[in-house]
Amino acid sequence: MAGPLDKAAAQAPATLGEGCLSRYDLDALNAGAGTEFSDAAELWRQLQAQEEPMQVPSPKQD
């Protein structure tokens, strides 16, 4: 009997390490894994421009 994950359309990327040291294997990631996003830098700039600068109240002087 085939495992239920054999029919899955997506597969998790390969990992290195175990437990809390587990991380994605960067050498195994590729555009097929959804890691290619050429417009990421532009999107980041747009999102940063939309954010209002944080207003820090000045201390009260008595």
PDB file of N, CA and C in Angstrom:
ATOM      1  N   MET A   1       0.851  -1.183   0.000  1.00  0.00           N
ATOM      2  CA  MET A   1       0.000   0.000   0.000  1.00  0.00           C
ATOM      3  C   MET A   1       0.892   1.239   0.000  1.00  0.00           C
ATOM      4  N   ALA A   2       0.609   2.176  -0.876  1.00  0.00           N
ATOM      5  CA  ALA A   2       1.389   3.406  -0.990  1.00  0.00           C
ATOM      6  C   ALA A   2       1.085   4.338   0.168  1.00  0.00           C
ATOM      7  N   GLY A   3       2.086   5.099   0.560  1.00  0.00           N
ATOM      8  CA  GLY A   3       1.917   6.069   1.643  1.00  0.00           C
ATOM      9  C   GLY A   3       1.072   7.245   1.187  1.00  0.00           C
ATOM     10  N   PRO A   4       0.379   7.906   2.115  1.00  0.00           N
ATOM     11  CA  PRO A   4      -0.493   9.020   1.740  1.00  0.00           C
ATOM     12  C   PRO A   4       0.277  10.205   1.156  1.00  0.00           C
ATOM     13  N   LEU A   5       1.553  10.348   1.475  1.00  0.00           N
ATOM     14  CA  LEU A   5       2.319  11.467   0.953  1.00  0.00           C
ATOM     15  C   LEU A   5       2.858  11.212  -0.448  1.00  0.00           C
ATOM     16  N   ASP A   6       2.734   9.972  -0.938  1.00  0.00           N
ATOM     17  CA  ASP A   6       3.210   9.657  -2.277  1.00  0.00           C
ATOM     18  C   ASP A   6       2.411  10.389  -3.348  1.00  0.00           C
ATOM     19  N   LYS A   7       1.172  10.727  -3.064  1.00  0.00           N
ATOM     20  CA  LYS A   7       0.316  11.405  -4.031  1.00  0.00           C
ATOM     21  C   LYS A   7       0.353  12.919  -3.873  1.00  0.00           C
ATOM     22  N   ALA A   8       1.072  13.422  -2.906  1.00  0.00           N
ATOM     23  CA  ALA A   8       1.104  14.860  -2.653  1.00  0.00           C
ATOM     24  C   ALA A   8       1.702  15.606  -3.837  1.00  0.00           C
ATOM     25  N   ALA A   9       1.136  16.758  -4.147  1.00  0.00           N
ATOM     26  CA  ALA A   9       1.630  17.559  -5.261  1.00  0.00           C
ATOM     27  C   ALA A   9       2.875  18.348  -4.865  1.00  0.00           C
ATOM     28  N   ALA A  10       2.989  18.697  -3.612  1.00  0.00           N
ATOM     29  CA  ALA A  10       4.132  19.474  -3.136  1.00  0.00           C
ATOM     30  C   ALA A  10       4.947  18.635  -2.162  1.00  0.00           C
ATOM     31  N   GLN A  11       6.221  18.901  -2.128  1.00  0.00           N
ATOM     32  CA  GLN A  11       7.094  18.199  -1.195  1.00  0.00           C
ATOM     33  C   GLN A  11       7.878  19.225  -0.397  1.00  0.00           C
ATOM     34  N   ALA A  12       8.118  18.918   0.847  1.00  0.00           N
ATOM     35  CA  ALA A  12       8.908  19.802   1.691  1.00  0.00           C
ATOM     36  C   ALA A  12      10.352  19.803   1.206  1.00  0.00           C
ATOM     37  N   PRO A  13      11.022  20.958   1.277  1.00  0.00           N
ATOM     38  CA  PRO A  13      12.426  21.000   0.861  1.00  0.00           C
ATOM     39  C   PRO A  13      13.308  20.169   1.784  1.00  0.00           C
ATOM     40  N   ALA A  14      14.444  19.759   1.274  1.00  0.00           N
ATOM     41  CA  ALA A  14      15.394  18.980   2.075  1.00  0.00           C
ATOM     42  C   ALA A  14      15.912  19.825   3.238  1.00  0.00           C
ATOM     43  N   THR A  15      16.192  19.172   4.350  1.00  0.00           N
ATOM     44  CA  THR A  15      16.699  19.875   5.521  1.00  0.00           C
ATOM     45  C   THR A  15      18.026  19.280   5.963  1.00  0.00           C
ATOM     46  N   LEU A  16      18.745  20.063   6.725  1.00  0.00           N
ATOM     47  CA  LEU A  16      19.989  19.636   7.338  1.00  0.00           C
ATOM     48  C   LEU A  16      19.818  19.721   8.849  1.00  0.00           C
ATOM     49  N   GLY A  17      20.494  18.887   9.587  1.00  0.00           N
ATOM     50  CA  GLY A  17      20.422  18.932  11.036  1.00  0.00           C
ATOM     51  C   GLY A  17      19.154  18.299  11.566  1.00  0.00           C
ATOM     52  N   GLU A  18      19.060  18.255  12.878  1.00  0.00           N
ATOM     53  CA  GLU A  18      17.892  17.652  13.525  1.00  0.00           C
ATOM     54  C   GLU A  18      17.408  18.547  14.661  1.00  0.00           C
ATOM     55  N   GLY A  19      16.144  18.393  14.995  1.00  0.00           N
ATOM     56  CA  GLY A  19      15.574  19.121  16.128  1.00  0.00           C
ATOM     57  C   GLY A  19      15.650  20.626  15.951  1.00  0.00           C
ATOM     58  N   CYS A  20      16.075  21.328  17.007  1.00  0.00           N
ATOM     59  CA  CYS A  20      16.121  22.789  16.948  1.00  0.00           C
ATOM     60  C   CYS A  20      17.224  23.291  16.022  1.00  0.00           C
ATOM     61  N   LEU A  21      18.111  22.431  15.573  1.00  0.00           N
ATOM     62  CA  LEU A  21      19.168  22.824  14.644  1.00  0.00           C
ATOM     63  C   LEU A  21      18.781  22.541  13.194  1.00  0.00           C
ATOM     64  N   SER A  22      17.562  22.072  12.966  1.00  0.00           N
ATOM     65  CA  SER A  22      17.093  21.756  11.622  1.00  0.00           C
ATOM     66  C   SER A  22      16.939  23.042  10.814  1.00  0.00           C
ATOM     67  N   ARG A  23      17.404  23.009   9.583  1.00  0.00           N
ATOM     68  CA  ARG A  23      17.296  24.161   8.694  1.00  0.00           C
ATOM     69  C   ARG A  23      17.201  23.650   7.258  1.00  0.00           C
ATOM     70  N   TYR A  24      16.692  24.491   6.363  1.00  0.00           N
ATOM     71  CA  TYR A  24      16.587  24.100   4.966  1.00  0.00           C
ATOM     72  C   TYR A  24      17.974  24.020   4.339  1.00  0.00           C
ATOM     73  N   ASP A  25      18.167  23.040   3.483  1.00  0.00           N
ATOM     74  CA  ASP A  25      19.412  22.883   2.744  1.00  0.00           C
ATOM     75  C   ASP A  25      19.384  23.875   1.587  1.00  0.00           C
ATOM     76  N   LEU A  26      20.159  24.946   1.695  1.00  0.00           N
ATOM     77  CA  LEU A  26      20.141  25.998   0.685  1.00  0.00           C
ATOM     78  C   LEU A  26      20.602  25.500  -0.674  1.00  0.00           C
ATOM     79  N   ASP A  27      21.470  24.502  -0.690  1.00  0.00           N
ATOM     80  CA  ASP A  27      21.937  23.963  -1.969  1.00  0.00           C
ATOM     81  C   ASP A  27      20.850  23.177  -2.693  1.00  0.00           C
ATOM     82  N   ALA A  28      19.857  22.690  -1.952  1.00  0.00           N
ATOM     83  CA  ALA A  28      18.784  21.896  -2.556  1.00  0.00           C
ATOM     84  C   ALA A  28      17.613  22.767  -3.017  1.00  0.00           C
ATOM     85  N   LEU A  29      17.576  24.030  -2.592  1.00  0.00           N
ATOM     86  CA  LEU A  29      16.476  24.915  -2.984  1.00  0.00           C
ATOM     87  C   LEU A  29      16.705  25.436  -4.395  1.00  0.00           C
ATOM     88  N   ASN A  30      15.615  25.530  -5.148  1.00  0.00           N
ATOM     89  CA  ASN A  30      15.695  26.034  -6.516  1.00  0.00           C
ATOM     90  C   ASN A  30      14.371  26.692  -6.876  1.00  0.00           C
ATOM     91  N   ALA A  31      14.257  27.165  -8.092  1.00  0.00           N
ATOM     92  CA  ALA A  31      13.032  27.839  -8.521  1.00  0.00           C
ATOM     93  C   ALA A  31      11.829  26.901  -8.451  1.00  0.00           C
ATOM     94  N   GLY A  32      12.035  25.611  -8.650  1.00  0.00           N
ATOM     95  CA  GLY A  32      10.943  24.646  -8.562  1.00  0.00           C
ATOM     96  C   GLY A  32      10.381  24.516  -7.157  1.00  0.00           C
ATOM     97  N   ALA A  33      11.174  24.893  -6.168  1.00  0.00           N
ATOM     98  CA  ALA A  33      10.725  24.834  -4.778  1.00  0.00           C
ATOM     99  C   ALA A  33      10.035  26.133  -4.365  1.00  0.00           C
ATOM    100  N   GLY A  34       9.887  27.063  -5.316  1.00  0.00           N
ATOM    101  CA  GLY A  34       9.221  28.322  -5.004  1.00  0.00           C
ATOM    102  C   GLY A  34      10.133  29.330  -4.337  1.00  0.00           C
ATOM    103  N   THR A  35      11.430  29.182  -4.520  1.00  0.00           N
ATOM    104  CA  THR A  35      12.366  30.087  -3.870  1.00  0.00           C
ATOM    105  C   THR A  35      12.800  31.238  -4.764  1.00  0.00           C
ATOM    106  N   GLU A  36      12.370  31.253  -6.005  1.00  0.00           N
ATOM    107  CA  GLU A  36      12.753  32.315  -6.922  1.00  0.00           C
ATOM    108  C   GLU A  36      11.674  33.393  -6.912  1.00  0.00           C
ATOM    109  N   PHE A  37      12.023  34.557  -6.420  1.00  0.00           N
ATOM    110  CA  PHE A  37      11.089  35.678  -6.387  1.00  0.00           C
ATOM    111  C   PHE A  37      11.885  36.923  -6.732  1.00  0.00           C
ATOM    112  N   SER A  38      12.029  37.155  -8.025  1.00  0.00           N
ATOM    113  CA  SER A  38      12.912  38.213  -8.511  1.00  0.00           C
ATOM    114  C   SER A  38      12.471  39.608  -8.086  1.00  0.00           C
ATOM    115  N   ASP A  39      11.209  39.798  -7.787  1.00  0.00           N
ATOM    116  CA  ASP A  39      10.717  41.118  -7.400  1.00  0.00           C
ATOM    117  C   ASP A  39      10.674  41.319  -5.889  1.00  0.00           C
ATOM    118  N   ALA A  40      11.334  40.464  -5.135  1.00  0.00           N
ATOM    119  CA  ALA A  40      11.292  40.558  -3.684  1.00  0.00           C
ATOM    120  C   ALA A  40      11.867  41.877  -3.172  1.00  0.00           C
ATOM    121  N   ALA A  41      12.977  42.313  -3.737  1.00  0.00           N
ATOM    122  CA  ALA A  41      13.598  43.557  -3.280  1.00  0.00           C
ATOM    123  C   ALA A  41      12.683  44.745  -3.535  1.00  0.00           C
ATOM    124  N   GLU A  42      12.052  44.781  -4.696  1.00  0.00           N
ATOM    125  CA  GLU A  42      11.142  45.887  -5.007  1.00  0.00           C
ATOM    126  C   GLU A  42       9.923  45.867  -4.087  1.00  0.00           C
ATOM    127  N   LEU A  43       9.383  44.690  -3.830  1.00  0.00           N
ATOM    128  CA  LEU A  43       8.251  44.566  -2.914  1.00  0.00           C
ATOM    129  C   LEU A  43       8.641  45.049  -1.523  1.00  0.00           C
ATOM    130  N   TRP A  44       9.829  44.688  -1.075  1.00  0.00           N
ATOM    131  CA  TRP A  44      10.310  45.119   0.247  1.00  0.00           C
ATOM    132  C   TRP A  44      10.379  46.654   0.311  1.00  0.00           C
ATOM    133  N   ARG A  45      10.892  47.288  -0.739  1.00  0.00           N
ATOM    134  CA  ARG A  45      10.968  48.755  -0.756  1.00  0.00           C
ATOM    135  C   ARG A  45       9.575  49.382  -0.709  1.00  0.00           C
ATOM    136  N   GLN A  46       8.640  48.816  -1.447  1.00  0.00           N
ATOM    137  CA  GLN A  46       7.277  49.353  -1.447  1.00  0.00           C
ATOM    138  C   GLN A  46       6.634  49.225  -0.075  1.00  0.00           C
ATOM    139  N   LEU A  47       6.813  48.079   0.559  1.00  0.00           N
ATOM    140  CA  LEU A  47       6.214  47.874   1.881  1.00  0.00           C
ATOM    141  C   LEU A  47       6.845  48.796   2.918  1.00  0.00           C
ATOM    142  N   GLN A  48       8.149  49.005   2.831  1.00  0.00           N
ATOM    143  CA  GLN A  48       8.816  49.906   3.771  1.00  0.00           C
ATOM    144  C   GLN A  48       8.374  51.345   3.558  1.00  0.00           C
ATOM    145  N   ALA A  49       8.122  51.739   2.313  1.00  0.00           N
ATOM    146  CA  ALA A  49       7.678  53.099   2.022  1.00  0.00           C
ATOM    147  C   ALA A  49       6.261  53.348   2.535  1.00  0.00           C
ATOM    148  N   GLN A  50       5.445  52.305   2.602  1.00  0.00           N
ATOM    149  CA  GLN A  50       4.065  52.447   3.073  1.00  0.00           C
ATOM    150  C   GLN A  50       3.986  52.636   4.580  1.00  0.00           C
ATOM    151  N   GLU A  51       4.960  52.111   5.289  1.00  0.00           N
ATOM    152  CA  GLU A  51       4.940  52.216   6.740  1.00  0.00           C
ATOM    153  C   GLU A  51       5.235  53.639   7.168  1.00  0.00           C
ATOM    154  N   GLU A  52       4.474  54.107   8.130  1.00  0.00           N
ATOM    155  CA  GLU A  52       4.723  55.435   8.661  1.00  0.00           C
ATOM    156  C   GLU A  52       5.870  55.354   9.654  1.00  0.00           C
ATOM    157  N   PRO A  53       6.700  56.385   9.705  1.00  0.00           N
ATOM    158  CA  PRO A  53       7.776  56.350  10.692  1.00  0.00           C
ATOM    159  C   PRO A  53       7.194  56.327  12.111  1.00  0.00           C
ATOM    160  N   MET A  54       7.833  55.590  12.959  1.00  0.00           N
ATOM    161  CA  MET A  54       7.364  55.452  14.331  1.00  0.00           C
ATOM    162  C   MET A  54       7.632  56.747  15.088  1.00  0.00           C
ATOM    163  N   GLN A  55       6.598  57.284  15.715  1.00  0.00           N
ATOM    164  CA  GLN A  55       6.712  58.504  16.490  1.00  0.00           C
ATOM    165  C   GLN A  55       7.047  58.167  17.928  1.00  0.00           C
ATOM    166  N   VAL A  56       8.185  58.632  18.386  1.00  0.00           N
ATOM    167  CA  VAL A  56       8.583  58.397  19.770  1.00  0.00           C
ATOM    168  C   VAL A  56       8.314  59.683  20.534  1.00  0.00           C
ATOM    169  N   PRO A  57       7.436  59.605  21.557  1.00  0.00           N
ATOM    170  CA  PRO A  57       7.129  60.834  22.300  1.00  0.00           C
ATOM    171  C   PRO A  57       8.357  61.321  23.066  1.00  0.00           C
ATOM    172  N   SER A  58       8.520  62.636  23.069  1.00  0.00           N
ATOM    173  CA  SER A  58       9.641  63.196  23.819  1.00  0.00           C
ATOM    174  C   SER A  58       9.288  63.218  25.296  1.00  0.00           C
ATOM    175  N   PRO A  59      10.294  63.093  26.161  1.00  0.00           N
ATOM    176  CA  PRO A  59      10.024  63.093  27.593  1.00  0.00           C
ATOM    177  C   PRO A  59       9.451  64.432  28.051  1.00  0.00           C
ATOM    178  N   LYS A  60       8.528  64.379  28.979  1.00  0.00           N
ATOM    179  CA  LYS A  60       7.929  65.610  29.505  1.00  0.00           C
ATOM    180  C   LYS A  60       8.935  66.329  30.398  1.00  0.00           C
ATOM    181  N   GLN A  61       8.968  67.617  30.238  1.00  0.00           N
ATOM    182  CA  GLN A  61       9.850  68.416  31.075  1.00  0.00           C
ATOM    183  C   GLN A  61       8.980  69.248  32.009  1.00  0.00           C
ATOM    184  N   ASP A  62       9.199  69.094  33.289  1.00  0.00           N
ATOM    185  CA  ASP A  62       8.400  69.853  34.277  1.00  0.00           C
ATOM    186  C   ASP A  62       9.141  71.058  34.764  1.00  0.00           C
TER     187      ASP A  62
END
